[in-house]
Amino acid sequence: MATQTKPVLHGYFRSSCSWRVRIAFALKGIEYDQVPVNLIKDGGQQLTEEYTTLNPMQQVPAVEIDGTTLSQSLAVIQYIDETRPGPRLLPADPKKRAQVRMISDVIASGIQPLQNLYVIQKIGTEKVQWAQHFIDRGFKGWWMFFFIVKVIVYSRSIKYYSRCFCVIQLLSPF
């Protein structure tokens, strides 16, 4: 089971992937230490030999937890949900949990990589239009629109937000 040492989050302050992990830690009430990894300074601190040893993908976040290092925000979130007490981050119902993972995968695999700094740097002069095209495409589904609206509305009331799954409310009739 989980040990009681503080996890260490290696992340970048503007990284949406790092923010996913920070939000999960906050919802679970988990204290953690942070090590900043600046993706721009010095050509990108994620490219250093030291960081590459920690995370060979040279991406943020990387989380040192329970004697191992995890990368990829969704894997980290699922791990802390399964090993730490506190409010569940995923629904108990397998179908609803699969729907949450589907929405998460659309963002983490279908939208976010295409606006990733490394990818955008390779595109050239039309990078903003190129990224916007794929981001828009990812958000076209009506269910994604309502999911975002629900998150914005419920995030204004943290007390309420921390007690419910906005996605469950999305997937149930309005």
N, C-alpha and C. Protein backbone atom coordinates (compact mmCIF):
# COMPACT_ATOMS: atom_id res chain seq x y z
N MET A 1 0.85 -1.19 0.00
CA MET A 1 0.00 0.00 0.00
C MET A 1 0.88 1.24 0.00
N ALA A 2 0.28 2.37 -0.01
CA ALA A 2 0.99 3.64 -0.13
C ALA A 2 1.82 3.95 1.11
N THR A 3 3.01 4.48 0.88
CA THR A 3 3.82 4.94 2.00
C THR A 3 3.43 6.37 2.31
N GLN A 4 3.98 6.90 3.39
CA GLN A 4 3.58 8.23 3.85
C GLN A 4 4.58 9.33 3.49
N THR A 5 5.58 9.04 2.65
CA THR A 5 6.49 10.11 2.25
C THR A 5 5.80 11.00 1.21
N LYS A 6 6.19 12.26 1.20
CA LYS A 6 5.59 13.21 0.26
C LYS A 6 6.00 12.90 -1.17
N PRO A 7 5.04 12.89 -2.08
CA PRO A 7 5.40 12.77 -3.50
C PRO A 7 6.15 14.03 -3.95
N VAL A 8 6.92 13.89 -5.00
CA VAL A 8 7.64 15.02 -5.59
C VAL A 8 7.16 15.17 -7.03
N LEU A 9 6.60 16.35 -7.32
CA LEU A 9 6.10 16.66 -8.66
C LEU A 9 7.14 17.50 -9.39
N HIS A 10 7.65 16.97 -10.48
CA HIS A 10 8.54 17.71 -11.37
C HIS A 10 7.65 18.24 -12.49
N GLY A 11 7.47 19.56 -12.56
CA GLY A 11 6.54 20.09 -13.54
C GLY A 11 6.86 21.52 -13.93
N TYR A 12 6.10 21.98 -14.90
CA TYR A 12 6.24 23.34 -15.42
C TYR A 12 4.97 24.10 -15.08
N PHE A 13 5.08 25.34 -14.64
CA PHE A 13 3.93 26.09 -14.14
C PHE A 13 2.86 26.31 -15.20
N ARG A 14 3.20 26.30 -16.47
CA ARG A 14 2.21 26.52 -17.53
C ARG A 14 1.77 25.22 -18.21
N SER A 15 2.22 24.11 -17.73
CA SER A 15 1.88 22.82 -18.34
C SER A 15 0.51 22.35 -17.89
N SER A 16 -0.40 22.11 -18.84
CA SER A 16 -1.72 21.60 -18.48
C SER A 16 -1.61 20.20 -17.88
N CYS A 17 -0.64 19.44 -18.32
CA CYS A 17 -0.43 18.10 -17.76
C CYS A 17 -0.01 18.18 -16.29
N SER A 18 0.89 19.10 -15.98
CA SER A 18 1.30 19.29 -14.59
C SER A 18 0.12 19.78 -13.75
N TRP A 19 -0.70 20.65 -14.33
CA TRP A 19 -1.87 21.15 -13.61
C TRP A 19 -2.86 20.04 -13.30
N ARG A 20 -3.03 19.09 -14.20
CA ARG A 20 -3.93 17.95 -13.92
C ARG A 20 -3.50 17.25 -12.64
N VAL A 21 -2.20 17.03 -12.50
CA VAL A 21 -1.68 16.32 -11.32
C VAL A 21 -1.83 17.21 -10.08
N ARG A 22 -1.54 18.50 -10.19
CA ARG A 22 -1.72 19.40 -9.05
C ARG A 22 -3.17 19.40 -8.57
N ILE A 23 -4.11 19.44 -9.50
CA ILE A 23 -5.53 19.45 -9.15
C ILE A 23 -5.91 18.15 -8.46
N ALA A 24 -5.43 17.02 -8.97
CA ALA A 24 -5.73 15.73 -8.33
C ALA A 24 -5.14 15.67 -6.92
N PHE A 25 -3.92 16.14 -6.74
CA PHE A 25 -3.33 16.19 -5.40
C PHE A 25 -4.20 17.05 -4.47
N ALA A 26 -4.64 18.19 -4.97
CA ALA A 26 -5.46 19.09 -4.14
C ALA A 26 -6.79 18.45 -3.78
N LEU A 27 -7.45 17.83 -4.74
CA LEU A 27 -8.74 17.19 -4.46
C LEU A 27 -8.61 16.05 -3.46
N LYS A 28 -7.48 15.35 -3.49
CA LYS A 28 -7.24 14.25 -2.56
C LYS A 28 -6.66 14.74 -1.23
N GLY A 29 -6.28 16.01 -1.16
CA GLY A 29 -5.68 16.54 0.06
C GLY A 29 -4.26 16.03 0.29
N ILE A 30 -3.53 15.79 -0.76
CA ILE A 30 -2.18 15.23 -0.67
C ILE A 30 -1.15 16.36 -0.70
N GLU A 31 -0.31 16.40 0.32
CA GLU A 31 0.80 17.35 0.32
C GLU A 31 1.92 16.77 -0.53
N TYR A 32 2.59 17.64 -1.26
CA TYR A 32 3.67 17.19 -2.15
C TYR A 32 4.70 18.29 -2.28
N ASP A 33 5.89 17.89 -2.67
CA ASP A 33 6.95 18.85 -2.97
C ASP A 33 6.99 19.06 -4.48
N GLN A 34 7.49 20.24 -4.89
CA GLN A 34 7.58 20.55 -6.31
C GLN A 34 9.01 20.85 -6.70
N VAL A 35 9.39 20.39 -7.86
CA VAL A 35 10.67 20.73 -8.47
C VAL A 35 10.34 21.34 -9.83
N PRO A 36 10.60 22.63 -10.01
CA PRO A 36 10.27 23.26 -11.29
C PRO A 36 11.18 22.76 -12.42
N VAL A 37 10.58 22.54 -13.56
CA VAL A 37 11.30 22.16 -14.78
C VAL A 37 10.86 23.16 -15.84
N ASN A 38 11.73 24.12 -16.14
CA ASN A 38 11.38 25.16 -17.10
C ASN A 38 11.60 24.63 -18.52
N LEU A 39 10.51 24.60 -19.28
CA LEU A 39 10.56 24.04 -20.63
C LEU A 39 11.19 24.99 -21.65
N ILE A 40 11.47 26.22 -21.25
CA ILE A 40 12.02 27.21 -22.18
C ILE A 40 13.44 27.63 -21.79
N LYS A 41 13.67 27.86 -20.51
CA LYS A 41 14.97 28.34 -20.02
C LYS A 41 16.09 27.37 -20.39
N ASP A 42 17.21 27.94 -20.78
CA ASP A 42 18.40 27.16 -21.13
C ASP A 42 18.13 26.13 -22.23
N GLY A 43 17.20 26.43 -23.10
CA GLY A 43 16.88 25.50 -24.19
C GLY A 43 15.93 24.39 -23.77
N GLY A 44 15.47 24.42 -22.53
CA GLY A 44 14.54 23.41 -22.03
C GLY A 44 15.20 22.50 -21.00
N GLN A 45 14.88 22.73 -19.73
CA GLN A 45 15.50 21.94 -18.66
C GLN A 45 15.09 20.47 -18.69
N GLN A 46 14.00 20.15 -19.41
CA GLN A 46 13.58 18.76 -19.54
C GLN A 46 14.54 17.96 -20.42
N LEU A 47 15.40 18.66 -21.13
CA LEU A 47 16.34 18.00 -22.03
C LEU A 47 17.68 17.68 -21.38
N THR A 48 17.84 18.09 -20.12
CA THR A 48 19.11 17.84 -19.43
C THR A 48 19.29 16.34 -19.16
N GLU A 49 20.52 15.95 -19.00
CA GLU A 49 20.82 14.54 -18.69
C GLU A 49 20.16 14.12 -17.38
N GLU A 50 20.18 15.01 -16.40
CA GLU A 50 19.58 14.71 -15.09
C GLU A 50 18.07 14.42 -15.22
N TYR A 51 17.37 15.28 -15.95
CA TYR A 51 15.93 15.07 -16.09
C TYR A 51 15.62 13.88 -17.00
N THR A 52 16.42 13.68 -18.03
CA THR A 52 16.22 12.55 -18.92
C THR A 52 16.38 11.24 -18.16
N THR A 53 17.25 11.19 -17.17
CA THR A 53 17.39 10.01 -16.33
C THR A 53 16.10 9.77 -15.54
N LEU A 54 15.48 10.85 -15.08
CA LEU A 54 14.23 10.75 -14.33
C LEU A 54 13.07 10.37 -15.25
N ASN A 55 12.98 11.02 -16.42
CA ASN A 55 11.90 10.77 -17.37
C ASN A 55 12.48 10.75 -18.79
N PRO A 56 12.76 9.57 -19.32
CA PRO A 56 13.37 9.47 -20.65
C PRO A 56 12.56 10.11 -21.77
N MET A 57 11.25 10.33 -21.58
CA MET A 57 10.43 11.01 -22.58
C MET A 57 10.70 12.51 -22.61
N GLN A 58 11.40 13.02 -21.60
CA GLN A 58 11.74 14.45 -21.51
C GLN A 58 10.50 15.33 -21.53
N GLN A 59 9.47 14.88 -20.81
CA GLN A 59 8.22 15.62 -20.71
C GLN A 59 7.88 15.85 -19.24
N VAL A 60 7.01 16.82 -18.99
CA VAL A 60 6.47 17.00 -17.66
C VAL A 60 4.99 16.60 -17.70
N PRO A 61 4.48 16.14 -16.58
CA PRO A 61 5.13 15.99 -15.30
C PRO A 61 5.82 14.63 -15.15
N ALA A 62 6.66 14.56 -14.14
CA ALA A 62 7.18 13.31 -13.62
C ALA A 62 6.93 13.39 -12.12
N VAL A 63 6.45 12.31 -11.55
CA VAL A 63 6.14 12.29 -10.12
C VAL A 63 6.88 11.13 -9.47
N GLU A 64 7.69 11.48 -8.47
CA GLU A 64 8.34 10.46 -7.65
C GLU A 64 7.40 10.15 -6.50
N ILE A 65 6.97 8.90 -6.42
CA ILE A 65 5.98 8.52 -5.42
C ILE A 65 6.14 7.03 -5.09
N ASP A 66 6.14 6.73 -3.82
CA ASP A 66 6.21 5.34 -3.35
C ASP A 66 7.37 4.55 -3.95
N GLY A 67 8.52 5.20 -4.08
CA GLY A 67 9.72 4.51 -4.55
C GLY A 67 9.80 4.30 -6.06
N THR A 68 8.92 4.94 -6.80
CA THR A 68 8.95 4.83 -8.26
C THR A 68 8.72 6.20 -8.88
N THR A 69 9.00 6.31 -10.14
CA THR A 69 8.73 7.56 -10.87
C THR A 69 7.69 7.27 -11.93
N LEU A 70 6.64 8.06 -11.91
CA LEU A 70 5.56 7.93 -12.88
C LEU A 70 5.54 9.17 -13.76
N SER A 71 5.23 8.98 -15.02
CA SER A 71 5.00 10.10 -15.92
C SER A 71 3.64 9.89 -16.56
N GLN A 72 3.23 10.85 -17.37
CA GLN A 72 1.91 10.86 -17.99
C GLN A 72 0.85 11.14 -16.93
N SER A 73 0.25 12.29 -17.02
CA SER A 73 -0.65 12.79 -15.98
C SER A 73 -1.81 11.85 -15.67
N LEU A 74 -2.40 11.24 -16.66
CA LEU A 74 -3.54 10.36 -16.39
C LEU A 74 -3.13 9.13 -15.60
N ALA A 75 -1.96 8.59 -15.89
CA ALA A 75 -1.45 7.44 -15.12
C ALA A 75 -1.19 7.85 -13.67
N VAL A 76 -0.63 9.03 -13.48
CA VAL A 76 -0.37 9.53 -12.12
C VAL A 76 -1.68 9.70 -11.36
N ILE A 77 -2.65 10.32 -12.01
CA ILE A 77 -3.95 10.56 -11.37
C ILE A 77 -4.62 9.24 -10.99
N GLN A 78 -4.61 8.27 -11.88
CA GLN A 78 -5.21 6.98 -11.56
C GLN A 78 -4.47 6.29 -10.42
N TYR A 79 -3.15 6.40 -10.41
CA TYR A 79 -2.37 5.79 -9.33
C TYR A 79 -2.72 6.40 -7.98
N ILE A 80 -2.75 7.73 -7.89
CA ILE A 80 -3.06 8.32 -6.58
C ILE A 80 -4.50 8.06 -6.18
N ASP A 81 -5.40 7.95 -7.14
CA ASP A 81 -6.79 7.63 -6.82
C ASP A 81 -6.89 6.22 -6.23
N GLU A 82 -6.10 5.30 -6.75
CA GLU A 82 -6.14 3.91 -6.30
C GLU A 82 -5.35 3.65 -5.04
N THR A 83 -4.42 4.55 -4.68
CA THR A 83 -3.55 4.28 -3.53
C THR A 83 -3.71 5.25 -2.37
N ARG A 84 -4.52 6.28 -2.52
CA ARG A 84 -4.66 7.28 -1.47
C ARG A 84 -6.12 7.42 -1.05
N PRO A 85 -6.33 7.65 0.24
CA PRO A 85 -7.70 7.88 0.71
C PRO A 85 -8.19 9.26 0.26
N GLY A 86 -9.43 9.52 0.51
CA GLY A 86 -10.00 10.81 0.16
C GLY A 86 -11.06 10.63 -0.89
N PRO A 87 -11.59 11.72 -1.38
CA PRO A 87 -12.66 11.61 -2.38
C PRO A 87 -12.16 10.90 -3.64
N ARG A 88 -13.04 10.08 -4.19
CA ARG A 88 -12.69 9.38 -5.44
C ARG A 88 -12.57 10.39 -6.57
N LEU A 89 -11.59 10.17 -7.43
CA LEU A 89 -11.41 11.03 -8.59
C LEU A 89 -12.13 10.47 -9.82
N LEU A 90 -12.41 9.19 -9.78
CA LEU A 90 -13.14 8.53 -10.85
C LEU A 90 -14.39 7.88 -10.27
N PRO A 91 -15.48 7.83 -11.04
CA PRO A 91 -16.70 7.20 -10.54
C PRO A 91 -16.49 5.71 -10.25
N ALA A 92 -17.26 5.16 -9.34
CA ALA A 92 -17.18 3.74 -9.01
C ALA A 92 -17.78 2.88 -10.11
N ASP A 93 -18.82 3.37 -10.77
CA ASP A 93 -19.50 2.63 -11.83
C ASP A 93 -18.57 2.46 -13.03
N PRO A 94 -18.35 1.22 -13.51
CA PRO A 94 -17.41 0.99 -14.62
C PRO A 94 -17.77 1.74 -15.91
N LYS A 95 -19.05 1.85 -16.24
CA LYS A 95 -19.43 2.56 -17.47
C LYS A 95 -19.14 4.05 -17.34
N LYS A 96 -19.47 4.63 -16.20
CA LYS A 96 -19.20 6.06 -16.01
C LYS A 96 -17.71 6.32 -15.94
N ARG A 97 -16.98 5.39 -15.31
CA ARG A 97 -15.52 5.53 -15.24
C ARG A 97 -14.92 5.47 -16.65
N ALA A 98 -15.44 4.58 -17.49
CA ALA A 98 -14.96 4.49 -18.88
C ALA A 98 -15.27 5.77 -19.64
N GLN A 99 -16.42 6.38 -19.37
CA GLN A 99 -16.77 7.63 -20.05
C GLN A 99 -15.84 8.76 -19.61
N VAL A 100 -15.50 8.79 -18.33
CA VAL A 100 -14.55 9.80 -17.84
C VAL A 100 -13.20 9.59 -18.51
N ARG A 101 -12.76 8.34 -18.61
CA ARG A 101 -11.48 8.06 -19.25
C ARG A 101 -11.51 8.42 -20.73
N MET A 102 -12.66 8.20 -21.38
CA MET A 102 -12.80 8.57 -22.79
C MET A 102 -12.60 10.07 -22.97
N ILE A 103 -13.28 10.86 -22.15
CA ILE A 103 -13.16 12.32 -22.23
C ILE A 103 -11.72 12.74 -21.92
N SER A 104 -11.12 12.13 -20.90
CA SER A 104 -9.74 12.44 -20.54
C SER A 104 -8.78 12.11 -21.68
N ASP A 105 -9.01 10.98 -22.33
CA ASP A 105 -8.15 10.59 -23.45
C ASP A 105 -8.30 11.52 -24.64
N VAL A 106 -9.50 12.03 -24.89
CA VAL A 106 -9.69 12.99 -25.99
C VAL A 106 -8.79 14.20 -25.75
N ILE A 107 -8.78 14.67 -24.51
CA ILE A 107 -7.95 15.84 -24.18
C ILE A 107 -6.47 15.48 -24.19
N ALA A 108 -6.10 14.42 -23.45
CA ALA A 108 -4.69 14.08 -23.28
C ALA A 108 -4.03 13.53 -24.54
N SER A 109 -4.80 12.87 -25.39
CA SER A 109 -4.20 12.26 -26.58
C SER A 109 -4.59 12.94 -27.88
N GLY A 110 -5.76 13.55 -27.93
CA GLY A 110 -6.24 14.10 -29.18
C GLY A 110 -6.10 15.60 -29.33
N ILE A 111 -6.01 16.31 -28.21
CA ILE A 111 -5.94 17.78 -28.28
C ILE A 111 -4.61 18.28 -27.74
N GLN A 112 -4.28 17.93 -26.53
CA GLN A 112 -3.13 18.49 -25.85
C GLN A 112 -1.81 18.28 -26.58
N PRO A 113 -1.51 17.10 -27.11
CA PRO A 113 -0.21 16.95 -27.78
C PRO A 113 -0.03 17.88 -28.97
N LEU A 114 -1.13 18.25 -29.60
CA LEU A 114 -1.05 19.08 -30.79
C LEU A 114 -0.80 20.55 -30.47
N GLN A 115 -0.93 20.95 -29.21
CA GLN A 115 -0.58 22.31 -28.82
C GLN A 115 0.65 22.29 -27.91
N ASN A 116 1.28 21.14 -27.82
CA ASN A 116 2.49 20.95 -27.03
C ASN A 116 3.64 21.78 -27.61
N LEU A 117 4.43 22.38 -26.73
CA LEU A 117 5.53 23.26 -27.14
C LEU A 117 6.45 22.58 -28.15
N TYR A 118 6.82 21.34 -27.90
CA TYR A 118 7.73 20.62 -28.80
C TYR A 118 7.13 20.48 -30.20
N VAL A 119 5.85 20.14 -30.27
CA VAL A 119 5.18 19.97 -31.57
C VAL A 119 5.05 21.32 -32.28
N ILE A 120 4.58 22.33 -31.54
CA ILE A 120 4.37 23.66 -32.13
C ILE A 120 5.67 24.23 -32.70
N GLN A 121 6.79 24.00 -32.02
CA GLN A 121 8.07 24.51 -32.50
C GLN A 121 8.47 23.90 -33.85
N LYS A 122 7.95 22.74 -34.17
CA LYS A 122 8.29 22.06 -35.42
C LYS A 122 7.40 22.48 -36.59
N ILE A 123 6.32 23.19 -36.36
CA ILE A 123 5.34 23.50 -37.40
C ILE A 123 5.77 24.65 -38.29
N GLY A 124 6.26 25.72 -37.73
CA GLY A 124 6.65 26.87 -38.54
C GLY A 124 5.68 28.02 -38.40
N THR A 125 5.52 28.81 -39.45
CA THR A 125 4.79 30.06 -39.36
C THR A 125 3.29 29.90 -39.13
N GLU A 126 2.70 28.83 -39.55
CA GLU A 126 1.25 28.65 -39.40
C GLU A 126 0.89 27.84 -38.16
N LYS A 127 1.75 27.86 -37.16
CA LYS A 127 1.56 27.01 -35.98
C LYS A 127 0.28 27.32 -35.22
N VAL A 128 -0.09 28.57 -35.08
CA VAL A 128 -1.28 28.91 -34.30
C VAL A 128 -2.53 28.38 -35.01
N GLN A 129 -2.64 28.62 -36.30
CA GLN A 129 -3.80 28.14 -37.06
C GLN A 129 -3.85 26.61 -37.07
N TRP A 130 -2.71 26.00 -37.22
CA TRP A 130 -2.61 24.54 -37.25
C TRP A 130 -3.08 23.95 -35.92
N ALA A 131 -2.55 24.47 -34.83
CA ALA A 131 -2.94 23.98 -33.50
C ALA A 131 -4.42 24.23 -33.25
N GLN A 132 -4.90 25.43 -33.59
CA GLN A 132 -6.30 25.78 -33.36
C GLN A 132 -7.24 24.83 -34.11
N HIS A 133 -6.86 24.45 -35.32
CA HIS A 133 -7.68 23.52 -36.10
C HIS A 133 -7.91 22.21 -35.34
N PHE A 134 -6.85 21.64 -34.79
CA PHE A 134 -6.98 20.36 -34.11
C PHE A 134 -7.62 20.49 -32.73
N ILE A 135 -7.39 21.60 -32.06
CA ILE A 135 -8.04 21.83 -30.78
C ILE A 135 -9.54 21.99 -30.99
N ASP A 136 -9.94 22.77 -31.98
CA ASP A 136 -11.36 22.94 -32.30
C ASP A 136 -12.00 21.60 -32.65
N ARG A 137 -11.30 20.83 -33.44
CA ARG A 137 -11.82 19.52 -33.85
C ARG A 137 -12.08 18.64 -32.63
N GLY A 138 -11.19 18.68 -31.66
CA GLY A 138 -11.35 17.88 -30.46
C GLY A 138 -12.52 18.31 -29.61
N PHE A 139 -12.84 19.60 -29.63
CA PHE A 139 -13.92 20.12 -28.79
C PHE A 139 -15.27 20.18 -29.50
N LYS A 140 -15.39 19.66 -30.72
CA LYS A 140 -16.64 19.79 -31.48
C LYS A 140 -17.81 19.04 -30.88
N GLY A 141 -17.59 17.93 -30.23
CA GLY A 141 -18.70 17.14 -29.69
C GLY A 141 -19.49 17.92 -28.65
N TRP A 142 -20.78 17.83 -28.70
CA TRP A 142 -21.62 18.56 -27.75
C TRP A 142 -21.33 18.14 -26.32
N TRP A 143 -21.03 16.88 -26.10
CA TRP A 143 -20.79 16.41 -24.74
C TRP A 143 -19.55 17.05 -24.15
N MET A 144 -18.54 17.31 -25.01
CA MET A 144 -17.33 17.96 -24.51
C MET A 144 -17.64 19.40 -24.11
N PHE A 145 -18.45 20.08 -24.91
CA PHE A 145 -18.82 21.45 -24.58
C PHE A 145 -19.51 21.51 -23.23
N PHE A 146 -20.46 20.63 -23.00
CA PHE A 146 -21.18 20.65 -21.72
C PHE A 146 -20.27 20.26 -20.57
N PHE A 147 -19.34 19.36 -20.81
CA PHE A 147 -18.38 18.98 -19.77
C PHE A 147 -17.59 20.20 -19.33
N ILE A 148 -17.09 20.98 -20.27
CA ILE A 148 -16.29 22.17 -19.94
C ILE A 148 -17.15 23.18 -19.19
N VAL A 149 -18.37 23.41 -19.66
CA VAL A 149 -19.26 24.34 -18.98
C VAL A 149 -19.50 23.89 -17.54
N LYS A 150 -19.76 22.61 -17.33
CA LYS A 150 -20.01 22.09 -15.98
C LYS A 150 -18.78 22.30 -15.09
N VAL A 151 -17.59 22.02 -15.61
CA VAL A 151 -16.38 22.21 -14.81
C VAL A 151 -16.23 23.66 -14.40
N ILE A 152 -16.44 24.59 -15.33
CA ILE A 152 -16.32 26.01 -15.02
C ILE A 152 -17.34 26.41 -13.96
N VAL A 153 -18.58 25.99 -14.13
CA VAL A 153 -19.62 26.34 -13.17
C VAL A 153 -19.33 25.75 -11.80
N TYR A 154 -19.00 24.47 -11.75
CA TYR A 154 -18.80 23.83 -10.46
C TYR A 154 -17.49 24.23 -9.80
N SER A 155 -16.50 24.62 -10.58
CA SER A 155 -15.23 25.00 -9.97
C SER A 155 -15.36 26.30 -9.18
N ARG A 156 -16.41 27.05 -9.42
CA ARG A 156 -16.63 28.27 -8.65
C ARG A 156 -17.06 27.98 -7.22
N SER A 157 -17.52 26.78 -6.99
CA SER A 157 -17.92 26.37 -5.65
C SER A 157 -17.14 25.12 -5.28
N ILE A 158 -15.93 25.30 -4.79
CA ILE A 158 -15.03 24.18 -4.50
C ILE A 158 -15.68 23.19 -3.53
N LYS A 159 -16.39 23.69 -2.54
CA LYS A 159 -17.03 22.80 -1.58
C LYS A 159 -17.96 21.83 -2.30
N TYR A 160 -18.78 22.35 -3.20
CA TYR A 160 -19.70 21.49 -3.94
C TYR A 160 -18.95 20.63 -4.93
N TYR A 161 -18.01 21.22 -5.64
CA TYR A 161 -17.24 20.51 -6.67
C TYR A 161 -16.53 19.30 -6.09
N SER A 162 -15.97 19.43 -4.91
CA SER A 162 -15.20 18.33 -4.34
C SER A 162 -16.09 17.18 -3.86
N ARG A 163 -17.40 17.38 -3.84
CA ARG A 163 -18.30 16.32 -3.40
C ARG A 163 -19.02 15.62 -4.54
N CYS A 164 -18.80 16.04 -5.78
CA CYS A 164 -19.54 15.43 -6.88
C CYS A 164 -18.63 15.20 -8.07
N PHE A 165 -19.15 14.44 -9.02
CA PHE A 165 -18.47 14.26 -10.29
C PHE A 165 -19.24 15.05 -11.32
N CYS A 166 -18.65 16.12 -11.82
CA CYS A 166 -19.36 16.92 -12.82
C CYS A 166 -19.64 16.08 -14.06
N VAL A 167 -18.80 15.09 -14.35
CA VAL A 167 -19.01 14.27 -15.53
C VAL A 167 -20.25 13.40 -15.35
N ILE A 168 -20.49 12.89 -14.15
CA ILE A 168 -21.69 12.10 -13.92
C ILE A 168 -22.91 12.96 -14.20
N GLN A 169 -22.89 14.21 -13.76
CA GLN A 169 -24.02 15.10 -14.01
C GLN A 169 -24.15 15.37 -15.49
N LEU A 170 -23.05 15.46 -16.18
CA LEU A 170 -23.07 15.66 -17.62
C LEU A 170 -23.75 14.49 -18.30
N LEU A 171 -23.39 13.28 -17.89
CA LEU A 171 -23.86 12.09 -18.58
C LEU A 171 -25.29 11.71 -18.21
N SER A 172 -25.81 12.28 -17.14
CA SER A 172 -27.20 12.02 -16.79
C SER A 172 -28.07 13.07 -17.46
N PRO A 173 -29.37 12.79 -17.62
CA PRO A 173 -30.23 13.78 -18.27
C PRO A 173 -30.26 15.09 -17.49
N PHE A 174 -30.34 16.21 -18.22
CA PHE A 174 -30.35 17.53 -17.58
C PHE A 174 -31.68 17.80 -17.00
